[in-house]
């Protein structure tokens, strides 16, 4: 069996002291004035030498387990799968393992999973919460388990959260559709419309259309019945008060279900119905027609969430109520929303 890689190996590889390596890996570099360049060299050596800390010894010495809980709504959703991988890689570079859980947008399940993670003594939690208020999670945070929200927030004066600019992204899509000559919009939201990310996307979109005096129909589909609900809704387009000429899908799962349904109905995109989505997927840029979408800053969200959580885990408390960190999104214009002349 190959000899275990230790802090001494990392130190010799980088050309620094063992103490410095320990400070970097324990998130204390900034406190001790260690440069970002040196930190990057240490993290690169950790990856190159495949360093794995002795978690048992570390736990006994520090009182920490070297684990973080990441709780999302649905790991099978491409957005959350990408987010989880980004966060896991980032945490690993800092010596942490990540336990990933899916809630299925079930508040009781979310609470059970978070309780389980606390019982396993995770050092911190990053949560994309399905709850409608912050009371329960604030008690967890105040009870000694550092917690940061990601993708969704529960109010500006509650828990620290890192989110995409959802309202702005919805408005960007609406303005683009209007500029292309679309006037009657259909928004397909979710039964979880109380969740900040979904609600703000819809609000940003609807405000633009209504501000221009144009109708905007908002319909919800169930989280667990998404596919049949979308099929049923689109099959009855003609029964809506204003027959839509464009459709806004609030996330990639809704967009995928809509594309499948519209294809079976032989609806021509974009001439008969323009289509845009909040969330970009790799296949959106290669199918015919390609799909206009808002791209979320997943890597930046993970980086900021980890930075905030690490500060909390180190004992340098980020005050509850510090607010919502909103990161910019990008509009990717493609053929699904470009009317032919």
C-alpha atoms as a PDB file:
ATOM      1  CA  UNK A   1       0.000   0.000   0.000  1.00  0.00           C
ATOM      2  CA  UNK A   2       1.315   3.435  -0.901  1.00  0.00           C
ATOM      3  CA  UNK A   3       2.363   5.666   1.996  1.00  0.00           C
ATOM      4  CA  UNK A   4      -0.327   8.057   3.157  1.00  0.00           C
ATOM      5  CA  UNK A   5       0.158  11.638   1.990  1.00  0.00           C
ATOM      6  CA  UNK A   6       0.578  13.949   4.994  1.00  0.00           C
ATOM      7  CA  UNK A   7       0.811  17.674   5.641  1.00  0.00           C
ATOM      8  CA  UNK A   8       4.598  17.281   5.568  1.00  0.00           C
ATOM      9  CA  UNK A   9       4.406  16.045   1.967  1.00  0.00           C
ATOM     10  CA  UNK A  10       2.235  19.021   0.982  1.00  0.00           C
ATOM     11  CA  UNK A  11       4.581  21.453   2.750  1.00  0.00           C
ATOM     12  CA  UNK A  12       7.694  20.071   1.045  1.00  0.00           C
ATOM     13  CA  UNK A  13       5.952  20.031  -2.342  1.00  0.00           C
ATOM     14  CA  UNK A  14       4.963  23.702  -2.057  1.00  0.00           C
ATOM     15  CA  UNK A  15       8.086  24.826  -0.199  1.00  0.00           C
ATOM     16  CA  UNK A  16       6.339  26.171   2.890  1.00  0.00           C
ATOM     17  CA  UNK A  17       5.949  25.105   6.511  1.00  0.00           C
ATOM     18  CA  UNK A  18       3.610  22.397   7.757  1.00  0.00           C
ATOM     19  CA  UNK A  19       1.954  25.007   9.989  1.00  0.00           C
ATOM     20  CA  UNK A  20       1.172  27.216   7.013  1.00  0.00           C
ATOM     21  CA  UNK A  21      -0.396  24.288   5.135  1.00  0.00           C
ATOM     22  CA  UNK A  22      -2.527  23.496   8.187  1.00  0.00           C
ATOM     23  CA  UNK A  23      -3.695  27.112   8.450  1.00  0.00           C
ATOM     24  CA  UNK A  24      -4.688  27.191   4.776  1.00  0.00           C
ATOM     25  CA  UNK A  25      -6.590  23.894   4.907  1.00  0.00           C
ATOM     26  CA  UNK A  26      -8.386  24.940   8.070  1.00  0.00           C
ATOM     27  CA  UNK A  27      -9.610  28.167   6.486  1.00  0.00           C
ATOM     28  CA  UNK A  28      -7.421  30.507   8.538  1.00  0.00           C
ATOM     29  CA  UNK A  29      -5.293  31.906   5.717  1.00  0.00           C
ATOM     30  CA  UNK A  30      -6.972  35.307   5.626  1.00  0.00           C
ATOM     31  CA  UNK A  31      -6.716  35.729   9.401  1.00  0.00           C
ATOM     32  CA  UNK A  32      -2.966  35.082   9.297  1.00  0.00           C
ATOM     33  CA  UNK A  33      -2.313  37.130   6.164  1.00  0.00           C
ATOM     34  CA  UNK A  34      -1.440  34.217   3.879  1.00  0.00           C
ATOM     35  CA  UNK A  35      -1.613  35.297   0.236  1.00  0.00           C
ATOM     36  CA  UNK A  36      -4.177  33.947  -2.203  1.00  0.00           C
ATOM     37  CA  UNK A  37      -1.329  32.829  -4.479  1.00  0.00           C
ATOM     38  CA  UNK A  38       0.139  30.679  -1.706  1.00  0.00           C
ATOM     39  CA  UNK A  39      -3.295  29.257  -0.880  1.00  0.00           C
ATOM     40  CA  UNK A  40      -3.795  28.285  -4.519  1.00  0.00           C
ATOM     41  CA  UNK A  41      -0.426  26.494  -4.515  1.00  0.00           C
ATOM     42  CA  UNK A  42      -1.447  24.535  -1.423  1.00  0.00           C
ATOM     43  CA  UNK A  43      -4.825  23.565  -2.916  1.00  0.00           C
ATOM     44  CA  UNK A  44      -3.127  22.541  -6.173  1.00  0.00           C
ATOM     45  CA  UNK A  45      -0.720  20.318  -4.229  1.00  0.00           C
ATOM     46  CA  UNK A  46      -3.622  18.775  -2.297  1.00  0.00           C
ATOM     47  CA  UNK A  47      -5.226  17.793  -5.591  1.00  0.00           C
ATOM     48  CA  UNK A  48      -2.002  16.690  -7.296  1.00  0.00           C
ATOM     49  CA  UNK A  49      -0.840  14.503  -4.392  1.00  0.00           C
ATOM     50  CA  UNK A  50      -4.379  13.262  -3.666  1.00  0.00           C
ATOM     51  CA  UNK A  51      -4.158  14.317  -0.027  1.00  0.00           C
ATOM     52  CA  UNK A  52      -6.907  12.999   2.232  1.00  0.00           C
ATOM     53  CA  UNK A  53      -6.941  14.229   5.836  1.00  0.00           C
ATOM     54  CA  UNK A  54      -7.261  11.725   8.678  1.00  0.00           C
ATOM     55  CA  UNK A  55     -10.766  12.686   9.705  1.00  0.00           C
ATOM     56  CA  UNK A  56     -10.778  10.719  12.977  1.00  0.00           C
ATOM     57  CA  UNK A  57      -7.623  12.396  14.212  1.00  0.00           C
ATOM     58  CA  UNK A  58      -8.824  15.739  12.948  1.00  0.00           C
ATOM     59  CA  UNK A  59     -12.174  15.402  14.712  1.00  0.00           C
ATOM     60  CA  UNK A  60     -10.535  14.518  18.028  1.00  0.00           C
ATOM     61  CA  UNK A  61      -8.120  17.415  17.715  1.00  0.00           C
ATOM     62  CA  UNK A  62     -10.469  20.124  16.464  1.00  0.00           C
ATOM     63  CA  UNK A  63     -13.923  18.991  17.547  1.00  0.00           C
ATOM     64  CA  UNK A  64     -14.978  19.083  13.886  1.00  0.00           C
ATOM     65  CA  UNK A  65     -15.915  16.287  11.488  1.00  0.00           C
ATOM     66  CA  UNK A  66     -14.754  17.817   8.214  1.00  0.00           C
ATOM     67  CA  UNK A  67     -18.206  17.321   6.697  1.00  0.00           C
ATOM     68  CA  UNK A  68     -20.793  19.718   5.285  1.00  0.00           C
ATOM     69  CA  UNK A  69     -24.442  18.958   4.555  1.00  0.00           C
ATOM     70  CA  UNK A  70     -25.813  20.143   1.204  1.00  0.00           C
ATOM     71  CA  UNK A  71     -29.610  19.992   1.054  1.00  0.00           C
ATOM     72  CA  UNK A  72     -31.340  20.633  -2.289  1.00  0.00           C
ATOM     73  CA  UNK A  73     -34.822  19.999  -3.624  1.00  0.00           C
ATOM     74  CA  UNK A  74     -33.984  17.435  -6.320  1.00  0.00           C
ATOM     75  CA  UNK A  75     -30.506  16.180  -7.184  1.00  0.00           C
ATOM     76  CA  UNK A  76     -31.853  14.738 -10.463  1.00  0.00           C
ATOM     77  CA  UNK A  77     -32.559  18.297 -11.665  1.00  0.00           C
ATOM     78  CA  UNK A  78     -29.618  19.261 -13.876  1.00  0.00           C
ATOM     79  CA  UNK A  79     -29.246  22.623 -12.144  1.00  0.00           C
ATOM     80  CA  UNK A  80     -28.873  21.041  -8.709  1.00  0.00           C
ATOM     81  CA  UNK A  81     -26.663  18.237 -10.021  1.00  0.00           C
ATOM     82  CA  UNK A  82     -24.283  20.834 -11.453  1.00  0.00           C
ATOM     83  CA  UNK A  83     -24.467  22.916  -8.275  1.00  0.00           C
ATOM     84  CA  UNK A  84     -23.780  19.891  -6.068  1.00  0.00           C
ATOM     85  CA  UNK A  85     -20.741  18.873  -8.108  1.00  0.00           C
ATOM     86  CA  UNK A  86     -19.338  22.409  -8.071  1.00  0.00           C
ATOM     87  CA  UNK A  87     -19.821  22.685  -4.320  1.00  0.00           C
ATOM     88  CA  UNK A  88     -18.410  19.218  -3.644  1.00  0.00           C
ATOM     89  CA  UNK A  89     -15.230  19.970  -5.622  1.00  0.00           C
ATOM     90  CA  UNK A  90     -14.808  23.304  -3.869  1.00  0.00           C
ATOM     91  CA  UNK A  91     -15.299  21.772  -0.432  1.00  0.00           C
ATOM     92  CA  UNK A  92     -12.881  18.918  -1.203  1.00  0.00           C
ATOM     93  CA  UNK A  93     -10.179  21.423  -2.144  1.00  0.00           C
ATOM     94  CA  UNK A  94     -10.557  22.831   1.372  1.00  0.00           C
ATOM     95  CA  UNK A  95     -10.490  19.421   3.065  1.00  0.00           C
ATOM     96  CA  UNK A  96     -14.225  18.867   3.504  1.00  0.00           C
ATOM     97  CA  UNK A  97     -16.505  16.021   2.468  1.00  0.00           C
ATOM     98  CA  UNK A  98     -20.100  16.774   1.462  1.00  0.00           C
ATOM     99  CA  UNK A  99     -23.249  14.812   2.300  1.00  0.00           C
ATOM    100  CA  UNK A 100     -25.882  15.589  -0.352  1.00  0.00           C
ATOM    101  CA  UNK A 101     -29.624  15.178   0.291  1.00  0.00           C
ATOM    102  CA  UNK A 102     -32.803  15.781  -1.772  1.00  0.00           C
ATOM    103  CA  UNK A 103     -36.007  17.040  -0.161  1.00  0.00           C
ATOM    104  CA  UNK A 104     -38.447  16.632  -3.091  1.00  0.00           C
ATOM    105  CA  UNK A 105     -39.846  20.049  -2.056  1.00  0.00           C
ATOM    106  CA  UNK A 106     -41.245  18.370   1.079  1.00  0.00           C
ATOM    107  CA  UNK A 107     -40.829  20.593   4.152  1.00  0.00           C
ATOM    108  CA  UNK A 108     -41.149  17.724   6.640  1.00  0.00           C
ATOM    109  CA  UNK A 109     -38.577  15.677   4.734  1.00  0.00           C
ATOM    110  CA  UNK A 110     -36.269  18.695   4.654  1.00  0.00           C
ATOM    111  CA  UNK A 111     -36.495  19.015   8.434  1.00  0.00           C
ATOM    112  CA  UNK A 112     -35.857  15.282   8.938  1.00  0.00           C
ATOM    113  CA  UNK A 113     -32.787  15.407   6.693  1.00  0.00           C
ATOM    114  CA  UNK A 114     -31.361  18.471   8.413  1.00  0.00           C
ATOM    115  CA  UNK A 115     -31.934  16.858  11.817  1.00  0.00           C
ATOM    116  CA  UNK A 116     -30.115  13.737  10.584  1.00  0.00           C
ATOM    117  CA  UNK A 117     -27.186  15.826   9.344  1.00  0.00           C
ATOM    118  CA  UNK A 118     -26.966  17.653  12.678  1.00  0.00           C
ATOM    119  CA  UNK A 119     -26.978  14.310  14.493  1.00  0.00           C
ATOM    120  CA  UNK A 120     -24.016  13.344  12.322  1.00  0.00           C
ATOM    121  CA  UNK A 121     -22.350  16.519  13.573  1.00  0.00           C
ATOM    122  CA  UNK A 122     -21.723  18.165  10.224  1.00  0.00           C
ATOM    123  CA  UNK A 123     -19.668  21.321  10.598  1.00  0.00           C
ATOM    124  CA  UNK A 124     -22.122  23.366   8.549  1.00  0.00           C
ATOM    125  CA  UNK A 125     -25.157  23.310   6.277  1.00  0.00           C
ATOM    126  CA  UNK A 126     -25.887  24.763   2.851  1.00  0.00           C
ATOM    127  CA  UNK A 127     -29.609  24.556   2.123  1.00  0.00           C
ATOM    128  CA  UNK A 128     -31.898  25.264  -0.814  1.00  0.00           C
ATOM    129  CA  UNK A 129     -34.986  25.392   1.357  1.00  0.00           C
ATOM    130  CA  UNK A 130     -38.599  24.631   0.480  1.00  0.00           C
ATOM    131  CA  UNK A 131     -39.923  26.310   3.616  1.00  0.00           C
ATOM    132  CA  UNK A 132     -42.165  29.344   3.519  1.00  0.00           C
ATOM    133  CA  UNK A 133     -40.548  31.107   6.477  1.00  0.00           C
ATOM    134  CA  UNK A 134     -37.191  31.173   8.226  1.00  0.00           C
ATOM    135  CA  UNK A 135     -38.211  30.400  11.819  1.00  0.00           C
ATOM    136  CA  UNK A 136     -37.189  26.722  11.949  1.00  0.00           C
ATOM    137  CA  UNK A 137     -33.913  27.196  10.077  1.00  0.00           C
ATOM    138  CA  UNK A 138     -33.002  30.254  12.147  1.00  0.00           C
ATOM    139  CA  UNK A 139     -33.322  28.095  15.254  1.00  0.00           C
ATOM    140  CA  UNK A 140     -30.906  25.596  13.677  1.00  0.00           C
ATOM    141  CA  UNK A 141     -28.442  28.367  12.832  1.00  0.00           C
ATOM    142  CA  UNK A 142     -28.751  29.962  16.277  1.00  0.00           C
ATOM    143  CA  UNK A 143     -28.417  26.527  17.893  1.00  0.00           C
ATOM    144  CA  UNK A 144     -24.801  26.177  16.844  1.00  0.00           C
ATOM    145  CA  UNK A 145     -24.911  24.715  13.341  1.00  0.00           C
ATOM    146  CA  UNK A 146     -23.648  27.308  10.837  1.00  0.00           C
ATOM    147  CA  UNK A 147     -26.087  27.583   7.929  1.00  0.00           C
ATOM    148  CA  UNK A 148     -26.159  29.413   4.603  1.00  0.00           C
ATOM    149  CA  UNK A 149     -29.009  29.338   2.093  1.00  0.00           C
ATOM    150  CA  UNK A 150     -28.294  28.869  -1.607  1.00  0.00           C
ATOM    151  CA  UNK A 151     -30.492  29.461  -4.687  1.00  0.00           C
ATOM    152  CA  UNK A 152     -33.386  30.586  -2.471  1.00  0.00           C
ATOM    153  CA  UNK A 153     -33.781  33.050   0.376  1.00  0.00           C
ATOM    154  CA  UNK A 154     -36.309  33.409   3.177  1.00  0.00           C
ATOM    155  CA  UNK A 155     -36.306  37.181   3.502  1.00  0.00           C
ATOM    156  CA  UNK A 156     -33.625  39.848   3.586  1.00  0.00           C
ATOM    157  CA  UNK A 157     -33.528  40.067   7.389  1.00  0.00           C
ATOM    158  CA  UNK A 158     -33.391  36.373   8.229  1.00  0.00           C
ATOM    159  CA  UNK A 159     -30.633  33.992   7.104  1.00  0.00           C
ATOM    160  CA  UNK A 160     -27.626  34.732   4.938  1.00  0.00           C
ATOM    161  CA  UNK A 161     -28.383  33.574   1.385  1.00  0.00           C
ATOM    162  CA  UNK A 162     -26.668  33.421  -1.999  1.00  0.00           C
ATOM    163  CA  UNK A 163     -28.995  33.586  -5.000  1.00  0.00           C
ATOM    164  CA  UNK A 164     -29.137  34.407  -8.686  1.00  0.00           C
ATOM    165  CA  UNK A 165     -30.754  37.666  -9.810  1.00  0.00           C
ATOM    166  CA  UNK A 166     -34.074  35.937 -10.424  1.00  0.00           C
ATOM    167  CA  UNK A 167     -36.294  38.996 -10.785  1.00  0.00           C
ATOM    168  CA  UNK A 168     -33.872  40.647 -13.194  1.00  0.00           C
ATOM    169  CA  UNK A 169     -33.566  37.427 -15.211  1.00  0.00           C
ATOM    170  CA  UNK A 170     -37.338  37.165 -15.576  1.00  0.00           C
ATOM    171  CA  UNK A 171     -37.496  40.790 -16.711  1.00  0.00           C
ATOM    172  CA  UNK A 172     -34.688  40.233 -19.233  1.00  0.00           C
ATOM    173  CA  UNK A 173     -36.615  37.369 -20.828  1.00  0.00           C
ATOM    174  CA  UNK A 174     -39.849  39.391 -20.952  1.00  0.00           C
ATOM    175  CA  UNK A 175     -38.183  42.433 -22.512  1.00  0.00           C
ATOM    176  CA  UNK A 176     -36.515  40.232 -25.108  1.00  0.00           C
ATOM    177  CA  UNK A 177     -39.828  38.596 -26.077  1.00  0.00           C
ATOM    178  CA  UNK A 178     -41.557  41.963 -26.310  1.00  0.00           C
ATOM    179  CA  UNK A 179     -38.774  43.321 -28.532  1.00  0.00           C
ATOM    180  CA  UNK A 180     -39.296  40.330 -30.819  1.00  0.00           C
ATOM    181  CA  UNK A 181     -42.968  41.204 -31.252  1.00  0.00           C
ATOM    182  CA  UNK A 182     -44.575  38.730 -28.842  1.00  0.00           C
ATOM    183  CA  UNK A 183     -47.532  40.167 -26.947  1.00  0.00           C
ATOM    184  CA  UNK A 184     -49.599  37.460 -25.207  1.00  0.00           C
ATOM    185  CA  UNK A 185     -47.510  35.470 -22.734  1.00  0.00           C
ATOM    186  CA  UNK A 186     -48.094  32.275 -20.800  1.00  0.00           C
ATOM    187  CA  UNK A 187     -45.977  31.634 -17.707  1.00  0.00           C
ATOM    188  CA  UNK A 188     -45.748  28.051 -16.476  1.00  0.00           C
ATOM    189  CA  UNK A 189     -44.820  28.182 -12.807  1.00  0.00           C
ATOM    190  CA  UNK A 190     -44.789  25.545 -10.088  1.00  0.00           C
ATOM    191  CA  UNK A 191     -47.034  24.716  -7.155  1.00  0.00           C
ATOM    192  CA  UNK A 192     -44.022  25.810  -5.084  1.00  0.00           C
ATOM    193  CA  UNK A 193     -44.451  29.418  -6.258  1.00  0.00           C
ATOM    194  CA  UNK A 194     -43.929  30.618  -2.649  1.00  0.00           C
ATOM    195  CA  UNK A 195     -40.235  29.794  -3.080  1.00  0.00           C
ATOM    196  CA  UNK A 196     -38.284  32.990  -3.646  1.00  0.00           C
ATOM    197  CA  UNK A 197     -36.489  31.932  -6.827  1.00  0.00           C
ATOM    198  CA  UNK A 198     -39.700  30.886  -8.592  1.00  0.00           C
ATOM    199  CA  UNK A 199     -41.763  33.806  -7.282  1.00  0.00           C
ATOM    200  CA  UNK A 200     -39.196  36.438  -8.262  1.00  0.00           C
ATOM    201  CA  UNK A 201     -38.701  35.056 -11.774  1.00  0.00           C
ATOM    202  CA  UNK A 202     -42.439  35.227 -12.357  1.00  0.00           C
ATOM    203  CA  UNK A 203     -42.772  38.683 -10.785  1.00  0.00           C
ATOM    204  CA  UNK A 204     -39.958  40.106 -12.909  1.00  0.00           C
ATOM    205  CA  UNK A 205     -41.460  38.662 -16.085  1.00  0.00           C
ATOM    206  CA  UNK A 206     -45.080  39.630 -15.385  1.00  0.00           C
ATOM    207  CA  UNK A 207     -44.181  43.194 -14.372  1.00  0.00           C
ATOM    208  CA  UNK A 208     -42.692  43.845 -17.807  1.00  0.00           C
ATOM    209  CA  UNK A 209     -45.684  42.563 -19.791  1.00  0.00           C
ATOM    210  CA  UNK A 210     -48.294  44.206 -17.581  1.00  0.00           C
ATOM    211  CA  UNK A 211     -46.272  47.410 -17.548  1.00  0.00           C
ATOM    212  CA  UNK A 212     -46.636  47.474 -21.322  1.00  0.00           C
ATOM    213  CA  UNK A 213     -50.373  46.848 -21.085  1.00  0.00           C
ATOM    214  CA  UNK A 214     -50.153  43.285 -22.399  1.00  0.00           C
ATOM    215  CA  UNK A 215     -51.868  40.175 -20.978  1.00  0.00           C
ATOM    216  CA  UNK A 216     -49.810  37.655 -19.048  1.00  0.00           C
ATOM    217  CA  UNK A 217     -51.384  34.359 -17.976  1.00  0.00           C
ATOM    218  CA  UNK A 218     -49.700  32.541 -15.052  1.00  0.00           C
ATOM    219  CA  UNK A 219     -50.463  28.861 -14.493  1.00  0.00           C
ATOM    220  CA  UNK A 220     -48.982  26.418 -11.974  1.00  0.00           C
ATOM    221  CA  UNK A 221     -48.040  22.758 -12.390  1.00  0.00           C
ATOM    222  CA  UNK A 222     -47.310  20.308  -9.590  1.00  0.00           C
ATOM    223  CA  UNK A 223     -43.748  19.460  -8.582  1.00  0.00           C
ATOM    224  CA  UNK A 224     -44.552  15.735  -8.494  1.00  0.00           C
ATOM    225  CA  UNK A 225     -47.031  15.835 -11.414  1.00  0.00           C
ATOM    226  CA  UNK A 226     -45.098  18.208 -13.648  1.00  0.00           C
ATOM    227  CA  UNK A 227     -45.115  16.235 -16.895  1.00  0.00           C
ATOM    228  CA  UNK A 228     -48.851  15.373 -17.081  1.00  0.00           C
ATOM    229  CA  UNK A 229     -49.802  18.831 -15.804  1.00  0.00           C
ATOM    230  CA  UNK A 230     -47.789  20.544 -18.553  1.00  0.00           C
ATOM    231  CA  UNK A 231     -49.273  18.227 -21.194  1.00  0.00           C
ATOM    232  CA  UNK A 232     -52.803  19.007 -19.988  1.00  0.00           C
ATOM    233  CA  UNK A 233     -52.171  22.751 -19.837  1.00  0.00           C
ATOM    234  CA  UNK A 234     -50.677  23.004 -23.316  1.00  0.00           C
ATOM    235  CA  UNK A 235     -53.366  20.786 -24.818  1.00  0.00           C
ATOM    236  CA  UNK A 236     -55.871  23.444 -23.780  1.00  0.00           C
ATOM    237  CA  UNK A 237     -54.034  26.553 -24.987  1.00  0.00           C
ATOM    238  CA  UNK A 238     -57.010  27.715 -27.033  1.00  0.00           C
ATOM    239  CA  UNK A 239     -59.201  27.815 -23.923  1.00  0.00           C
ATOM    240  CA  UNK A 240     -57.053  30.431 -22.189  1.00  0.00           C
ATOM    241  CA  UNK A 241     -58.534  33.977 -22.038  1.00  0.00           C
ATOM    242  CA  UNK A 242     -55.826  35.209 -24.406  1.00  0.00           C
ATOM    243  CA  UNK A 243     -54.259  32.647 -26.705  1.00  0.00           C
ATOM    244  CA  UNK A 244     -50.523  32.975 -25.948  1.00  0.00           C
ATOM    245  CA  UNK A 245     -47.914  33.591 -28.606  1.00  0.00           C
ATOM    246  CA  UNK A 246     -45.007  33.002 -26.194  1.00  0.00           C
ATOM    247  CA  UNK A 247     -44.251  30.790 -23.215  1.00  0.00           C
ATOM    248  CA  UNK A 248     -41.969  31.315 -20.207  1.00  0.00           C
ATOM    249  CA  UNK A 249     -40.873  28.136 -18.386  1.00  0.00           C
ATOM    250  CA  UNK A 250     -39.677  28.946 -14.866  1.00  0.00           C
ATOM    251  CA  UNK A 251     -37.053  26.192 -14.803  1.00  0.00           C
ATOM    252  CA  UNK A 252     -35.423  23.575 -17.004  1.00  0.00           C
ATOM    253  CA  UNK A 253     -37.738  20.731 -15.986  1.00  0.00           C
ATOM    254  CA  UNK A 254     -40.793  22.769 -17.000  1.00  0.00           C
ATOM    255  CA  UNK A 255     -39.102  23.715 -20.284  1.00  0.00           C
ATOM    256  CA  UNK A 256     -38.233  20.095 -21.076  1.00  0.00           C
ATOM    257  CA  UNK A 257     -41.812  18.955 -20.426  1.00  0.00           C
ATOM    258  CA  UNK A 258     -43.136  21.826 -22.556  1.00  0.00           C
ATOM    259  CA  UNK A 259     -40.800  21.007 -25.447  1.00  0.00           C
ATOM    260  CA  UNK A 260     -41.901  17.369 -25.436  1.00  0.00           C
ATOM    261  CA  UNK A 261     -45.577  18.318 -25.347  1.00  0.00           C
ATOM    262  CA  UNK A 262     -45.300  20.992 -28.055  1.00  0.00           C
ATOM    263  CA  UNK A 263     -43.384  18.604 -30.317  1.00  0.00           C
ATOM    264  CA  UNK A 264     -46.175  16.029 -30.048  1.00  0.00           C
ATOM    265  CA  UNK A 265     -48.698  18.776 -30.867  1.00  0.00           C
ATOM    266  CA  UNK A 266     -46.581  19.858 -33.877  1.00  0.00           C
ATOM    267  CA  UNK A 267     -46.480  23.443 -32.641  1.00  0.00           C
ATOM    268  CA  UNK A 268     -43.866  25.418 -34.556  1.00  0.00           C
ATOM    269  CA  UNK A 269     -41.329  27.192 -32.364  1.00  0.00           C
ATOM    270  CA  UNK A 270     -40.769  30.167 -32.568  1.00  0.00           C
ATOM    271  CA  UNK A 271     -43.296  31.254 -35.236  1.00  0.00           C
ATOM    272  CA  UNK A 272     -46.419  29.828 -33.603  1.00  0.00           C
ATOM    273  CA  UNK A 273     -45.136  30.025 -30.048  1.00  0.00           C
ATOM    274  CA  UNK A 274     -41.954  31.626 -28.745  1.00  0.00           C
ATOM    275  CA  UNK A 275     -40.318  29.782 -25.850  1.00  0.00           C
ATOM    276  CA  UNK A 276     -37.850  30.938 -23.188  1.00  0.00           C
ATOM    277  CA  UNK A 277     -36.560  29.326 -20.009  1.00  0.00           C
ATOM    278  CA  UNK A 278     -34.954  30.346 -16.731  1.00  0.00           C
ATOM    279  CA  UNK A 279     -32.055  27.846 -16.449  1.00  0.00           C
ATOM    280  CA  UNK A 280     -29.766  26.868 -19.261  1.00  0.00           C
ATOM    281  CA  UNK A 281     -29.044  23.257 -20.192  1.00  0.00           C
ATOM    282  CA  UNK A 282     -26.277  21.896 -22.436  1.00  0.00           C
ATOM    283  CA  UNK A 283     -28.772  20.473 -24.923  1.00  0.00           C
ATOM    284  CA  UNK A 284     -30.538  23.842 -25.282  1.00  0.00           C
ATOM    285  CA  UNK A 285     -27.723  24.995 -27.575  1.00  0.00           C
ATOM    286  CA  UNK A 286     -27.828  21.973 -29.918  1.00  0.00           C
ATOM    287  CA  UNK A 287     -31.490  21.022 -30.410  1.00  0.00           C
ATOM    288  CA  UNK A 288     -33.630  22.493 -33.182  1.00  0.00           C
ATOM    289  CA  UNK A 289     -34.634  25.150 -32.475  1.00  0.00           C
ATOM    290  CA  UNK A 290     -32.040  26.147 -29.926  1.00  0.00           C
ATOM    291  CA  UNK A 291     -33.599  27.505 -26.720  1.00  0.00           C
ATOM    292  CA  UNK A 292     -33.310  31.018 -25.333  1.00  0.00           C
ATOM    293  CA  UNK A 293     -32.486  30.794 -21.637  1.00  0.00           C
ATOM    294  CA  UNK A 294     -31.129  32.609 -18.615  1.00  0.00           C
ATOM    295  CA  UNK A 295     -27.855  31.128 -17.401  1.00  0.00           C
ATOM    296  CA  UNK A 296     -27.361  31.053 -13.648  1.00  0.00           C
ATOM    297  CA  UNK A 297     -23.916  31.746 -12.076  1.00  0.00           C
ATOM    298  CA  UNK A 298     -23.616  28.334 -10.432  1.00  0.00           C
ATOM    299  CA  UNK A 299     -19.850  28.399  -9.835  1.00  0.00           C
ATOM    300  CA  UNK A 300     -19.983  31.901  -8.353  1.00  0.00           C
ATOM    301  CA  UNK A 301     -22.955  30.980  -6.148  1.00  0.00           C
ATOM    302  CA  UNK A 302     -21.131  27.943  -4.768  1.00  0.00           C
ATOM    303  CA  UNK A 303     -17.955  29.920  -4.178  1.00  0.00           C
ATOM    304  CA  UNK A 304     -19.759  32.695  -2.297  1.00  0.00           C
ATOM    305  CA  UNK A 305     -21.861  30.255  -0.255  1.00  0.00           C
ATOM    306  CA  UNK A 306     -18.766  28.283   0.753  1.00  0.00           C
ATOM    307  CA  UNK A 307     -16.906  31.484   1.649  1.00  0.00           C
ATOM    308  CA  UNK A 308     -19.750  32.618   3.914  1.00  0.00           C
ATOM    309  CA  UNK A 309     -20.184  29.188   5.486  1.00  0.00           C
ATOM    310  CA  UNK A 310     -16.457  28.820   6.132  1.00  0.00           C
ATOM    311  CA  UNK A 311     -16.432  32.175   7.903  1.00  0.00           C
ATOM    312  CA  UNK A 312     -19.258  30.976  10.124  1.00  0.00           C
ATOM    313  CA  UNK A 313     -17.642  27.587  10.765  1.00  0.00           C
ATOM    314  CA  UNK A 314     -14.405  29.316  11.779  1.00  0.00           C
ATOM    315  CA  UNK A 315     -16.283  31.215  14.440  1.00  0.00           C
ATOM    316  CA  UNK A 316     -16.151  34.605  12.720  1.00  0.00           C
ATOM    317  CA  UNK A 317     -19.918  34.860  12.714  1.00  0.00           C
ATOM    318  CA  UNK A 318     -21.675  36.365   9.734  1.00  0.00           C
ATOM    319  CA  UNK A 319     -24.552  38.075  11.485  1.00  0.00           C
ATOM    320  CA  UNK A 320     -28.021  36.610  11.018  1.00  0.00           C
ATOM    321  CA  UNK A 321     -29.847  39.081   8.833  1.00  0.00           C
ATOM    322  CA  UNK A 322     -26.733  40.170   6.951  1.00  0.00           C
ATOM    323  CA  UNK A 323     -28.838  39.764   3.862  1.00  0.00           C
ATOM    324  CA  UNK A 324     -29.155  38.250   0.450  1.00  0.00           C
ATOM    325  CA  UNK A 325     -26.142  38.108  -1.856  1.00  0.00           C
ATOM    326  CA  UNK A 326     -27.588  38.380  -5.370  1.00  0.00           C
ATOM    327  CA  UNK A 327     -25.340  37.421  -8.283  1.00  0.00           C
ATOM    328  CA  UNK A 328     -25.900  38.493 -11.919  1.00  0.00           C
ATOM    329  CA  UNK A 329     -27.343  36.186 -14.578  1.00  0.00           C
ATOM    330  CA  UNK A 330     -26.785  36.042 -18.347  1.00  0.00           C
ATOM    331  CA  UNK A 331     -29.362  36.025 -21.138  1.00  0.00           C
ATOM    332  CA  UNK A 332     -28.529  33.502 -23.867  1.00  0.00           C
ATOM    333  CA  UNK A 333     -30.628  34.473 -26.916  1.00  0.00           C
ATOM    334  CA  UNK A 334     -31.249  31.577 -29.302  1.00  0.00           C
ATOM    335  CA  UNK A 335     -33.700  30.642 -32.067  1.00  0.00           C
ATOM    336  CA  UNK A 336     -36.692  29.634 -29.920  1.00  0.00           C
ATOM    337  CA  UNK A 337     -37.582  33.291 -29.350  1.00  0.00           C
ATOM    338  CA  UNK A 338     -36.497  34.884 -32.636  1.00  0.00           C
ATOM    339  CA  UNK A 339     -39.425  35.424 -34.983  1.00  0.00           C
ATOM    340  CA  UNK A 340     -38.662  34.943 -38.659  1.00  0.00           C
ATOM    341  CA  UNK A 341     -39.229  38.025 -40.801  1.00  0.00           C
END
